[in-house]
Amino acid sequence: MIFNNGKEALRKLKSIIDSGEDLPDLILLDLNMPIMDGWQFLDNFTQIEVDKKIIIYIVSSSIDPVDIERSKKYGMVSNFVVKPISTDKVKEIMQEIAENNFL
């Protein structure tokens, strides 16, 4: 699933939870989205009770150490990846997830 803003993503994830459908295992979250940015999405999503462990990787063009430190305050966030993200980086993420038994 791909969403253009955090509000749209949050609305769809809530709908999935309400309907009992399977939630995604992994969310690649951009911080700089319109309408509801990644931080606002995280603040709202962490308030929702979810029975499944969902891995969140922040994928951002930000190299600001403040953003990286802030991301560590969210237990659901597994890592912070600086854009651009390559195919090799996606493979590395999937390998990290498998090695750490995140799924």
PDB file of N, CA and C in Angstrom:
ATOM      1  N   MET A   1       0.841  -1.171   0.000  1.00  0.00           N
ATOM      2  CA  MET A   1       0.000   0.000   0.000  1.00  0.00           C
ATOM      3  C   MET A   1       0.889   1.238   0.000  1.00  0.00           C
ATOM      4  N   ILE A   2       0.481   2.220  -0.731  1.00  0.00           N
ATOM      5  CA  ILE A   2       1.215   3.479  -0.794  1.00  0.00           C
ATOM      6  C   ILE A   2       0.226   4.609  -0.511  1.00  0.00           C
ATOM      7  N   PHE A   3       0.651   5.534   0.343  1.00  0.00           N
ATOM      8  CA  PHE A   3      -0.192   6.674   0.689  1.00  0.00           C
ATOM      9  C   PHE A   3       0.601   7.953   0.500  1.00  0.00           C
ATOM     10  N   ASN A   4      -0.082   9.007   0.092  1.00  0.00           N
ATOM     11  CA  ASN A   4       0.572  10.282  -0.180  1.00  0.00           C
ATOM     12  C   ASN A   4       0.672  11.180   1.033  1.00  0.00           C
ATOM     13  N   ASN A   5      -0.067  10.838   2.081  1.00  0.00           N
ATOM     14  CA  ASN A   5       0.017  11.635   3.304  1.00  0.00           C
ATOM     15  C   ASN A   5      -0.326  10.770   4.507  1.00  0.00           C
ATOM     16  N   GLY A   6       0.093  11.235   5.661  1.00  0.00           N
ATOM     17  CA  GLY A   6      -0.095  10.470   6.889  1.00  0.00           C
ATOM     18  C   GLY A   6      -1.541  10.279   7.279  1.00  0.00           C
ATOM     19  N   LYS A   7      -2.376  11.266   6.984  1.00  0.00           N
ATOM     20  CA  LYS A   7      -3.795  11.163   7.350  1.00  0.00           C
ATOM     21  C   LYS A   7      -4.472  10.039   6.580  1.00  0.00           C
ATOM     22  N   GLU A   8      -4.168   9.952   5.299  1.00  0.00           N
ATOM     23  CA  GLU A   8      -4.713   8.895   4.452  1.00  0.00           C
ATOM     24  C   GLU A   8      -4.243   7.522   4.947  1.00  0.00           C
ATOM     25  N   ALA A   9      -2.970   7.411   5.284  1.00  0.00           N
ATOM     26  CA  ALA A   9      -2.415   6.146   5.784  1.00  0.00           C
ATOM     27  C   ALA A   9      -3.060   5.751   7.111  1.00  0.00           C
ATOM     28  N   LEU A  10      -3.180   6.701   8.009  1.00  0.00           N
ATOM     29  CA  LEU A  10      -3.774   6.431   9.315  1.00  0.00           C
ATOM     30  C   LEU A  10      -5.227   5.989   9.172  1.00  0.00           C
ATOM     31  N   ARG A  11      -5.981   6.670   8.309  1.00  0.00           N
ATOM     32  CA  ARG A  11      -7.382   6.314   8.084  1.00  0.00           C
ATOM     33  C   ARG A  11      -7.491   4.880   7.554  1.00  0.00           C
ATOM     34  N   LYS A  12      -6.631   4.509   6.602  1.00  0.00           N
ATOM     35  CA  LYS A  12      -6.681   3.158   6.032  1.00  0.00           C
ATOM     36  C   LYS A  12      -6.269   2.110   7.068  1.00  0.00           C
ATOM     37  N   LEU A  13      -5.246   2.399   7.845  1.00  0.00           N
ATOM     38  CA  LEU A  13      -4.806   1.438   8.867  1.00  0.00           C
ATOM     39  C   LEU A  13      -5.883   1.242   9.926  1.00  0.00           C
ATOM     40  N   LYS A  14      -6.556   2.308  10.321  1.00  0.00           N
ATOM     41  CA  LYS A  14      -7.667   2.185  11.274  1.00  0.00           C
ATOM     42  C   LYS A  14      -8.781   1.327  10.680  1.00  0.00           C
ATOM     43  N   SER A  15      -9.058   1.517   9.397  1.00  0.00           N
ATOM     44  CA  SER A  15     -10.090   0.738   8.708  1.00  0.00           C
ATOM     45  C   SER A  15      -9.714  -0.746   8.683  1.00  0.00           C
ATOM     46  N   ILE A  16      -8.448  -1.021   8.446  1.00  0.00           N
ATOM     47  CA  ILE A  16      -7.971  -2.408   8.438  1.00  0.00           C
ATOM     48  C   ILE A  16      -8.129  -3.029   9.827  1.00  0.00           C
ATOM     49  N   ILE A  17      -7.783  -2.285  10.849  1.00  0.00           N
ATOM     50  CA  ILE A  17      -7.910  -2.772  12.229  1.00  0.00           C
ATOM     51  C   ILE A  17      -9.378  -3.044  12.553  1.00  0.00           C
ATOM     52  N   ASP A  18     -10.248  -2.100  12.222  1.00  0.00           N
ATOM     53  CA  ASP A  18     -11.674  -2.245  12.512  1.00  0.00           C
ATOM     54  C   ASP A  18     -12.298  -3.431  11.797  1.00  0.00           C
ATOM     55  N   SER A  19     -11.822  -3.724  10.596  1.00  0.00           N
ATOM     56  CA  SER A  19     -12.405  -4.815   9.816  1.00  0.00           C
ATOM     57  C   SER A  19     -11.768  -6.167  10.124  1.00  0.00           C
ATOM     58  N   GLY A  20     -10.695  -6.160  10.900  1.00  0.00           N
ATOM     59  CA  GLY A  20     -10.028  -7.410  11.250  1.00  0.00           C
ATOM     60  C   GLY A  20      -9.119  -7.949  10.160  1.00  0.00           C
ATOM     61  N   GLU A  21      -8.844  -7.139   9.154  1.00  0.00           N
ATOM     62  CA  GLU A  21      -7.933  -7.572   8.088  1.00  0.00           C
ATOM     63  C   GLU A  21      -6.498  -7.593   8.613  1.00  0.00           C
ATOM     64  N   ASP A  22      -5.609  -8.193   7.832  1.00  0.00           N
ATOM     65  CA  ASP A  22      -4.197  -8.259   8.208  1.00  0.00           C
ATOM     66  C   ASP A  22      -3.517  -6.917   8.010  1.00  0.00           C
ATOM     67  N   LEU A  23      -2.861  -6.467   9.055  1.00  0.00           N
ATOM     68  CA  LEU A  23      -2.069  -5.241   8.988  1.00  0.00           C
ATOM     69  C   LEU A  23      -0.740  -5.530   8.303  1.00  0.00           C
ATOM     70  N   PRO A  24      -0.116  -4.499   7.755  1.00  0.00           N
ATOM     71  CA  PRO A  24       1.198  -4.729   7.150  1.00  0.00           C
ATOM     72  C   PRO A  24       2.227  -5.091   8.217  1.00  0.00           C
ATOM     73  N   ASP A  25       3.259  -5.804   7.812  1.00  0.00           N
ATOM     74  CA  ASP A  25       4.352  -6.160   8.713  1.00  0.00           C
ATOM     75  C   ASP A  25       5.345  -5.013   8.849  1.00  0.00           C
ATOM     76  N   LEU A  26       5.452  -4.211   7.794  1.00  0.00           N
ATOM     77  CA  LEU A  26       6.467  -3.168   7.719  1.00  0.00           C
ATOM     78  C   LEU A  26       5.872  -1.886   7.167  1.00  0.00           C
ATOM     79  N   ILE A  27       6.227  -0.761   7.793  1.00  0.00           N
ATOM     80  CA  ILE A  27       5.853   0.555   7.286  1.00  0.00           C
ATOM     81  C   ILE A  27       7.132   1.333   7.038  1.00  0.00           C
ATOM     82  N   LEU A  28       7.278   1.831   5.813  1.00  0.00           N
ATOM     83  CA  LEU A  28       8.357   2.758   5.484  1.00  0.00           C
ATOM     84  C   LEU A  28       7.722   4.141   5.540  1.00  0.00           C
ATOM     85  N   LEU A  29       8.128   4.926   6.511  1.00  0.00           N
ATOM     86  CA  LEU A  29       7.453   6.183   6.825  1.00  0.00           C
ATOM     87  C   LEU A  29       8.305   7.384   6.469  1.00  0.00           C
ATOM     88  N   ASP A  30       7.797   8.222   5.591  1.00  0.00           N
ATOM     89  CA  ASP A  30       8.459   9.480   5.251  1.00  0.00           C
ATOM     90  C   ASP A  30       8.037  10.529   6.271  1.00  0.00           C
ATOM     91  N   LEU A  31       8.966  11.334   6.721  1.00  0.00           N
ATOM     92  CA  LEU A  31       8.636  12.384   7.689  1.00  0.00           C
ATOM     93  C   LEU A  31       7.980  13.585   7.031  1.00  0.00           C
ATOM     94  N   ASN A  32       8.365  13.894   5.806  1.00  0.00           N
ATOM     95  CA  ASN A  32       7.902  15.107   5.133  1.00  0.00           C
ATOM     96  C   ASN A  32       6.753  14.797   4.177  1.00  0.00           C
ATOM     97  N   MET A  33       5.567  14.650   4.755  1.00  0.00           N
ATOM     98  CA  MET A  33       4.369  14.411   3.961  1.00  0.00           C
ATOM     99  C   MET A  33       3.408  15.574   4.178  1.00  0.00           C
ATOM    100  N   PRO A  34       2.572  15.839   3.190  1.00  0.00           N
ATOM    101  CA  PRO A  34       1.574  16.889   3.368  1.00  0.00           C
ATOM    102  C   PRO A  34       0.430  16.425   4.270  1.00  0.00           C
ATOM    103  N   ILE A  35      -0.369  17.346   4.708  1.00  0.00           N
ATOM    104  CA  ILE A  35      -1.579  17.158   5.515  1.00  0.00           C
ATOM    105  C   ILE A  35      -1.251  16.636   6.914  1.00  0.00           C
ATOM    106  N   MET A  36      -0.622  15.488   7.030  1.00  0.00           N
ATOM    107  CA  MET A  36      -0.181  14.944   8.316  1.00  0.00           C
ATOM    108  C   MET A  36       1.216  14.378   8.089  1.00  0.00           C
ATOM    109  N   ASP A  37       2.210  14.984   8.727  1.00  0.00           N
ATOM    110  CA  ASP A  37       3.587  14.523   8.504  1.00  0.00           C
ATOM    111  C   ASP A  37       3.871  13.232   9.263  1.00  0.00           C
ATOM    112  N   GLY A  38       5.049  12.703   9.094  1.00  0.00           N
ATOM    113  CA  GLY A  38       5.414  11.433   9.714  1.00  0.00           C
ATOM    114  C   GLY A  38       5.367  11.460  11.229  1.00  0.00           C
ATOM    115  N   TRP A  39       5.781  12.593  11.829  1.00  0.00           N
ATOM    116  CA  TRP A  39       5.733  12.700  13.301  1.00  0.00           C
ATOM    117  C   TRP A  39       4.294  12.664  13.797  1.00  0.00           C
ATOM    118  N   GLN A  40       3.420  13.383  13.116  1.00  0.00           N
ATOM    119  CA  GLN A  40       2.008  13.386  13.505  1.00  0.00           C
ATOM    120  C   GLN A  40       1.404  11.993  13.322  1.00  0.00           C
ATOM    121  N   PHE A  41       1.790  11.328  12.234  1.00  0.00           N
ATOM    122  CA  PHE A  41       1.325   9.959  12.011  1.00  0.00           C
ATOM    123  C   PHE A  41       1.753   9.069  13.177  1.00  0.00           C
ATOM    124  N   LEU A  42       3.029   9.136  13.547  1.00  0.00           N
ATOM    125  CA  LEU A  42       3.537   8.313  14.654  1.00  0.00           C
ATOM    126  C   LEU A  42       2.806   8.615  15.954  1.00  0.00           C
ATOM    127  N   ASP A  43       2.611   9.902  16.254  1.00  0.00           N
ATOM    128  CA  ASP A  43       1.919  10.282  17.486  1.00  0.00           C
ATOM    129  C   ASP A  43       0.514   9.687  17.532  1.00  0.00           C
ATOM    130  N   ASN A  44      -0.168   9.688  16.392  1.00  0.00           N
ATOM    131  CA  ASN A  44      -1.527   9.138  16.333  1.00  0.00           C
ATOM    132  C   ASN A  44      -1.527   7.614  16.299  1.00  0.00           C
ATOM    133  N   PHE A  45      -0.645   7.036  15.510  1.00  0.00           N
ATOM    134  CA  PHE A  45      -0.624   5.583  15.351  1.00  0.00           C
ATOM    135  C   PHE A  45      -0.220   4.882  16.643  1.00  0.00           C
ATOM    136  N   THR A  46       0.666   5.474  17.413  1.00  0.00           N
ATOM    137  CA  THR A  46       1.088   4.840  18.666  1.00  0.00           C
ATOM    138  C   THR A  46      -0.026   4.844  19.709  1.00  0.00           C
ATOM    139  N   GLN A  47      -1.069   5.614  19.492  1.00  0.00           N
ATOM    140  CA  GLN A  47      -2.201   5.643  20.409  1.00  0.00           C
ATOM    141  C   GLN A  47      -3.230   4.561  20.106  1.00  0.00           C
ATOM    142  N   ILE A  48      -3.055   3.892  18.989  1.00  0.00           N
ATOM    143  CA  ILE A  48      -3.989   2.841  18.578  1.00  0.00           C
ATOM    144  C   ILE A  48      -3.499   1.504  19.113  1.00  0.00           C
ATOM    145  N   GLU A  49      -4.405   0.757  19.712  1.00  0.00           N
ATOM    146  CA  GLU A  49      -4.039  -0.562  20.214  1.00  0.00           C
ATOM    147  C   GLU A  49      -3.981  -1.534  19.040  1.00  0.00           C
ATOM    148  N   VAL A  50      -2.806  -2.106  18.850  1.00  0.00           N
ATOM    149  CA  VAL A  50      -2.581  -3.039  17.755  1.00  0.00           C
ATOM    150  C   VAL A  50      -2.058  -4.340  18.342  1.00  0.00           C
ATOM    151  N   ASP A  51      -2.663  -5.450  17.940  1.00  0.00           N
ATOM    152  CA  ASP A  51      -2.272  -6.763  18.466  1.00  0.00           C
ATOM    153  C   ASP A  51      -1.026  -7.321  17.788  1.00  0.00           C
ATOM    154  N   LYS A  52      -0.615  -6.718  16.708  1.00  0.00           N
ATOM    155  CA  LYS A  52       0.483  -7.229  15.906  1.00  0.00           C
ATOM    156  C   LYS A  52       1.683  -6.292  15.996  1.00  0.00           C
ATOM    157  N   LYS A  53       2.867  -6.862  15.993  1.00  0.00           N
ATOM    158  CA  LYS A  53       4.072  -6.040  15.954  1.00  0.00           C
ATOM    159  C   LYS A  53       4.272  -5.545  14.531  1.00  0.00           C
ATOM    160  N   ILE A  54       4.295  -4.243  14.379  1.00  0.00           N
ATOM    161  CA  ILE A  54       4.529  -3.630  13.079  1.00  0.00           C
ATOM    162  C   ILE A  54       5.876  -2.918  13.148  1.00  0.00           C
ATOM    163  N   ILE A  55       6.717  -3.212  12.194  1.00  0.00           N
ATOM    164  CA  ILE A  55       8.045  -2.607  12.133  1.00  0.00           C
ATOM    165  C   ILE A  55       7.930  -1.315  11.333  1.00  0.00           C
ATOM    166  N   ILE A  56       8.454  -0.235  11.897  1.00  0.00           N
ATOM    167  CA  ILE A  56       8.441   1.046  11.206  1.00  0.00           C
ATOM    168  C   ILE A  56       9.875   1.498  10.984  1.00  0.00           C
ATOM    169  N   TYR A  57      10.184   1.772   9.737  1.00  0.00           N
ATOM    170  CA  TYR A  57      11.451   2.391   9.374  1.00  0.00           C
ATOM    171  C   TYR A  57      11.132   3.793   8.874  1.00  0.00           C
ATOM    172  N   ILE A  58      11.750   4.779   9.477  1.00  0.00           N
ATOM    173  CA  ILE A  58      11.613   6.129   8.962  1.00  0.00           C
ATOM    174  C   ILE A  58      12.563   6.259   7.789  1.00  0.00           C
ATOM    175  N   VAL A  59      12.033   6.731   6.678  1.00  0.00           N
ATOM    176  CA  VAL A  59      12.818   6.947   5.472  1.00  0.00           C
ATOM    177  C   VAL A  59      12.670   8.429   5.146  1.00  0.00           C
ATOM    178  N   SER A  60      13.756   9.173   5.306  1.00  0.00           N
ATOM    179  CA  SER A  60      13.656  10.620   5.197  1.00  0.00           C
ATOM    180  C   SER A  60      14.888  11.216   4.523  1.00  0.00           C
ATOM    181  N   SER A  61      14.709  12.371   3.940  1.00  0.00           N
ATOM    182  CA  SER A  61      15.844  13.109   3.379  1.00  0.00           C
ATOM    183  C   SER A  61      16.560  13.895   4.477  1.00  0.00           C
ATOM    184  N   SER A  62      15.993  13.929   5.654  1.00  0.00           N
ATOM    185  CA  SER A  62      16.587  14.669   6.769  1.00  0.00           C
ATOM    186  C   SER A  62      17.841  13.964   7.281  1.00  0.00           C
ATOM    187  N   ILE A  63      18.880  14.758   7.460  1.00  0.00           N
ATOM    188  CA  ILE A  63      20.103  14.253   8.098  1.00  0.00           C
ATOM    189  C   ILE A  63      20.308  14.964   9.435  1.00  0.00           C
ATOM    190  N   ASP A  64      19.262  15.637   9.885  1.00  0.00           N
ATOM    191  CA  ASP A  64      19.310  16.382  11.142  1.00  0.00           C
ATOM    192  C   ASP A  64      19.400  15.408  12.318  1.00  0.00           C
ATOM    193  N   PRO A  65      20.452  15.501  13.123  1.00  0.00           N
ATOM    194  CA  PRO A  65      20.588  14.609  14.279  1.00  0.00           C
ATOM    195  C   PRO A  65      19.398  14.686  15.243  1.00  0.00           C
ATOM    196  N   VAL A  66      18.726  15.823  15.286  1.00  0.00           N
ATOM    197  CA  VAL A  66      17.550  15.972  16.145  1.00  0.00           C
ATOM    198  C   VAL A  66      16.444  15.019  15.689  1.00  0.00           C
ATOM    199  N   ASP A  67      16.242  14.911  14.379  1.00  0.00           N
ATOM    200  CA  ASP A  67      15.226  13.986  13.853  1.00  0.00           C
ATOM    201  C   ASP A  67      15.593  12.543  14.164  1.00  0.00           C
ATOM    202  N   ILE A  68      16.862  12.211  14.001  1.00  0.00           N
ATOM    203  CA  ILE A  68      17.311  10.847  14.264  1.00  0.00           C
ATOM    204  C   ILE A  68      17.118  10.501  15.738  1.00  0.00           C
ATOM    205  N   GLU A  69      17.474  11.414  16.630  1.00  0.00           N
ATOM    206  CA  GLU A  69      17.288  11.184  18.073  1.00  0.00           C
ATOM    207  C   GLU A  69      15.809  11.112  18.427  1.00  0.00           C
ATOM    208  N   ARG A  70      15.018  11.983  17.828  1.00  0.00           N
ATOM    209  CA  ARG A  70      13.577  11.981  18.096  1.00  0.00           C
ATOM    210  C   ARG A  70      12.957  10.643  17.701  1.00  0.00           C
ATOM    211  N   SER A  71      13.417  10.074  16.598  1.00  0.00           N
ATOM    212  CA  SER A  71      12.857   8.808  16.130  1.00  0.00           C
ATOM    213  C   SER A  71      13.089   7.680  17.139  1.00  0.00           C
ATOM    214  N   LYS A  72      14.153   7.782  17.921  1.00  0.00           N
ATOM    215  CA  LYS A  72      14.481   6.745  18.907  1.00  0.00           C
ATOM    216  C   LYS A  72      13.524   6.741  20.096  1.00  0.00           C
ATOM    217  N   LYS A  73      12.727   7.786  20.221  1.00  0.00           N
ATOM    218  CA  LYS A  73      11.770   7.880  21.321  1.00  0.00           C
ATOM    219  C   LYS A  73      10.497   7.075  21.049  1.00  0.00           C
ATOM    220  N   TYR A  74      10.370   6.594  19.833  1.00  0.00           N
ATOM    221  CA  TYR A  74       9.196   5.804  19.451  1.00  0.00           C
ATOM    222  C   TYR A  74       9.592   4.334  19.432  1.00  0.00           C
ATOM    223  N   GLY A  75       9.014   3.549  20.314  1.00  0.00           N
ATOM    224  CA  GLY A  75       9.339   2.138  20.405  1.00  0.00           C
ATOM    225  C   GLY A  75       9.056   1.357  19.134  1.00  0.00           C
ATOM    226  N   MET A  76       8.098   1.825  18.341  1.00  0.00           N
ATOM    227  CA  MET A  76       7.747   1.124  17.108  1.00  0.00           C
ATOM    228  C   MET A  76       8.753   1.358  15.991  1.00  0.00           C
ATOM    229  N   VAL A  77       9.556   2.409  16.120  1.00  0.00           N
ATOM    230  CA  VAL A  77      10.510   2.742  15.060  1.00  0.00           C
ATOM    231  C   VAL A  77      11.764   1.890  15.229  1.00  0.00           C
ATOM    232  N   SER A  78      12.064   1.106  14.208  1.00  0.00           N
ATOM    233  CA  SER A  78      13.212   0.208  14.254  1.00  0.00           C
ATOM    234  C   SER A  78      14.493   0.859  13.765  1.00  0.00           C
ATOM    235  N   ASN A  79      14.361   1.811  12.828  1.00  0.00           N
ATOM    236  CA  ASN A  79      15.560   2.418  12.277  1.00  0.00           C
ATOM    237  C   ASN A  79      15.196   3.682  11.513  1.00  0.00           C
ATOM    238  N   PHE A  80      16.217   4.467  11.217  1.00  0.00           N
ATOM    239  CA  PHE A  80      16.085   5.722  10.476  1.00  0.00           C
ATOM    240  C   PHE A  80      16.990   5.598   9.257  1.00  0.00           C
ATOM    241  N   VAL A  81      16.397   5.673   8.074  1.00  0.00           N
ATOM    242  CA  VAL A  81      17.137   5.517   6.828  1.00  0.00           C
ATOM    243  C   VAL A  81      17.083   6.834   6.066  1.00  0.00           C
ATOM    244  N   VAL A  82      18.252   7.312   5.645  1.00  0.00           N
ATOM    245  CA  VAL A  82      18.321   8.564   4.897  1.00  0.00           C
ATOM    246  C   VAL A  82      18.128   8.277   3.405  1.00  0.00           C
ATOM    247  N   LYS A  83      17.233   9.052   2.786  1.00  0.00           N
ATOM    248  CA  LYS A  83      16.984   8.939   1.348  1.00  0.00           C
ATOM    249  C   LYS A  83      18.163   9.508   0.572  1.00  0.00           C
ATOM    250  N   PRO A  84      18.316   9.107  -0.649  1.00  0.00           N
ATOM    251  CA  PRO A  84      17.459   8.189  -1.400  1.00  0.00           C
ATOM    252  C   PRO A  84      17.693   6.760  -0.966  1.00  0.00           C
ATOM    253  N   ILE A  85      16.662   5.967  -1.103  1.00  0.00           N
ATOM    254  CA  ILE A  85      16.749   4.561  -0.699  1.00  0.00           C
ATOM    255  C   ILE A  85      16.888   3.711  -1.965  1.00  0.00           C
ATOM    256  N   SER A  86      17.872   2.866  -1.968  1.00  0.00           N
ATOM    257  CA  SER A  86      18.166   2.030  -3.131  1.00  0.00           C
ATOM    258  C   SER A  86      17.581   0.632  -2.948  1.00  0.00           C
ATOM    259  N   THR A  87      17.591  -0.126  -4.016  1.00  0.00           N
ATOM    260  CA  THR A  87      17.161  -1.517  -3.958  1.00  0.00           C
ATOM    261  C   THR A  87      18.034  -2.292  -2.981  1.00  0.00           C
ATOM    262  N   ASP A  88      19.340  -2.012  -3.006  1.00  0.00           N
ATOM    263  CA  ASP A  88      20.251  -2.678  -2.074  1.00  0.00           C
ATOM    264  C   ASP A  88      19.898  -2.354  -0.629  1.00  0.00           C
ATOM    265  N   LYS A  89      19.490  -1.103  -0.363  1.00  0.00           N
ATOM    266  CA  LYS A  89      19.112  -0.719   1.001  1.00  0.00           C
ATOM    267  C   LYS A  89      17.849  -1.454   1.428  1.00  0.00           C
ATOM    268  N   VAL A  90      16.904  -1.613   0.525  1.00  0.00           N
ATOM    269  CA  VAL A  90      15.682  -2.355   0.846  1.00  0.00           C
ATOM    270  C   VAL A  90      16.037  -3.803   1.167  1.00  0.00           C
ATOM    271  N   LYS A  91      16.931  -4.398   0.389  1.00  0.00           N
ATOM    272  CA  LYS A  91      17.377  -5.769   0.669  1.00  0.00           C
ATOM    273  C   LYS A  91      18.056  -5.842   2.036  1.00  0.00           C
ATOM    274  N   GLU A  92      18.855  -4.816   2.353  1.00  0.00           N
ATOM    275  CA  GLU A  92      19.532  -4.763   3.656  1.00  0.00           C
ATOM    276  C   GLU A  92      18.511  -4.685   4.793  1.00  0.00           C
ATOM    277  N   ILE A  93      17.476  -3.892   4.602  1.00  0.00           N
ATOM    278  CA  ILE A  93      16.412  -3.775   5.609  1.00  0.00           C
ATOM    279  C   ILE A  93      15.734  -5.126   5.812  1.00  0.00           C
ATOM    280  N   MET A  94      15.406  -5.796   4.715  1.00  0.00           N
ATOM    281  CA  MET A  94      14.735  -7.088   4.816  1.00  0.00           C
ATOM    282  C   MET A  94      15.639  -8.121   5.500  1.00  0.00           C
ATOM    283  N   GLN A  95      16.925  -8.071   5.216  1.00  0.00           N
ATOM    284  CA  GLN A  95      17.861  -8.987   5.870  1.00  0.00           C
ATOM    285  C   GLN A  95      17.948  -8.683   7.361  1.00  0.00           C
ATOM    286  N   GLU A  96      17.988  -7.399   7.714  1.00  0.00           N
ATOM    287  CA  GLU A  96      18.028  -6.995   9.129  1.00  0.00           C
ATOM    288  C   GLU A  96      16.786  -7.477   9.859  1.00  0.00           C
ATOM    289  N   ILE A  97      15.643  -7.343   9.215  1.00  0.00           N
ATOM    290  CA  ILE A  97      14.391  -7.789   9.823  1.00  0.00           C
ATOM    291  C   ILE A  97      14.426  -9.299  10.047  1.00  0.00           C
ATOM    292  N   ALA A  98      14.884 -10.040   9.048  1.00  0.00           N
ATOM    293  CA  ALA A  98      14.954 -11.498   9.169  1.00  0.00           C
ATOM    294  C   ALA A  98      15.946 -11.923  10.241  1.00  0.00           C
ATOM    295  N   GLU A  99      17.105 -11.282  10.286  1.00  0.00           N
ATOM    296  CA  GLU A  99      18.138 -11.648  11.275  1.00  0.00           C
ATOM    297  C   GLU A  99      17.701 -11.361  12.699  1.00  0.00           C
ATOM    298  N   ASN A 100      16.906 -10.321  12.870  1.00  0.00           N
ATOM    299  CA  ASN A 100      16.463  -9.941  14.209  1.00  0.00           C
ATOM    300  C   ASN A 100      15.105 -10.524  14.564  1.00  0.00           C
ATOM    301  N   ASN A 101      14.601 -11.396  13.700  1.00  0.00           N
ATOM    302  CA  ASN A 101      13.296 -12.031  13.932  1.00  0.00           C
ATOM    303  C   ASN A 101      12.212 -11.016  14.245  1.00  0.00           C
ATOM    304  N   PHE A 102      12.230  -9.872  13.536  1.00  0.00           N
ATOM    305  CA  PHE A 102      11.223  -8.846  13.752  1.00  0.00           C
ATOM    306  C   PHE A 102       9.848  -9.337  13.312  1.00  0.00           C
ATOM    307  N   LEU A 103       9.812 -10.210  12.311  1.00  0.00           N
ATOM    308  CA  LEU A 103       8.514 -10.664  11.802  1.00  0.00           C
ATOM    309  C   LEU A 103       8.181 -12.026  12.349  1.00  0.00           C
TER     310      LEU A 103
END
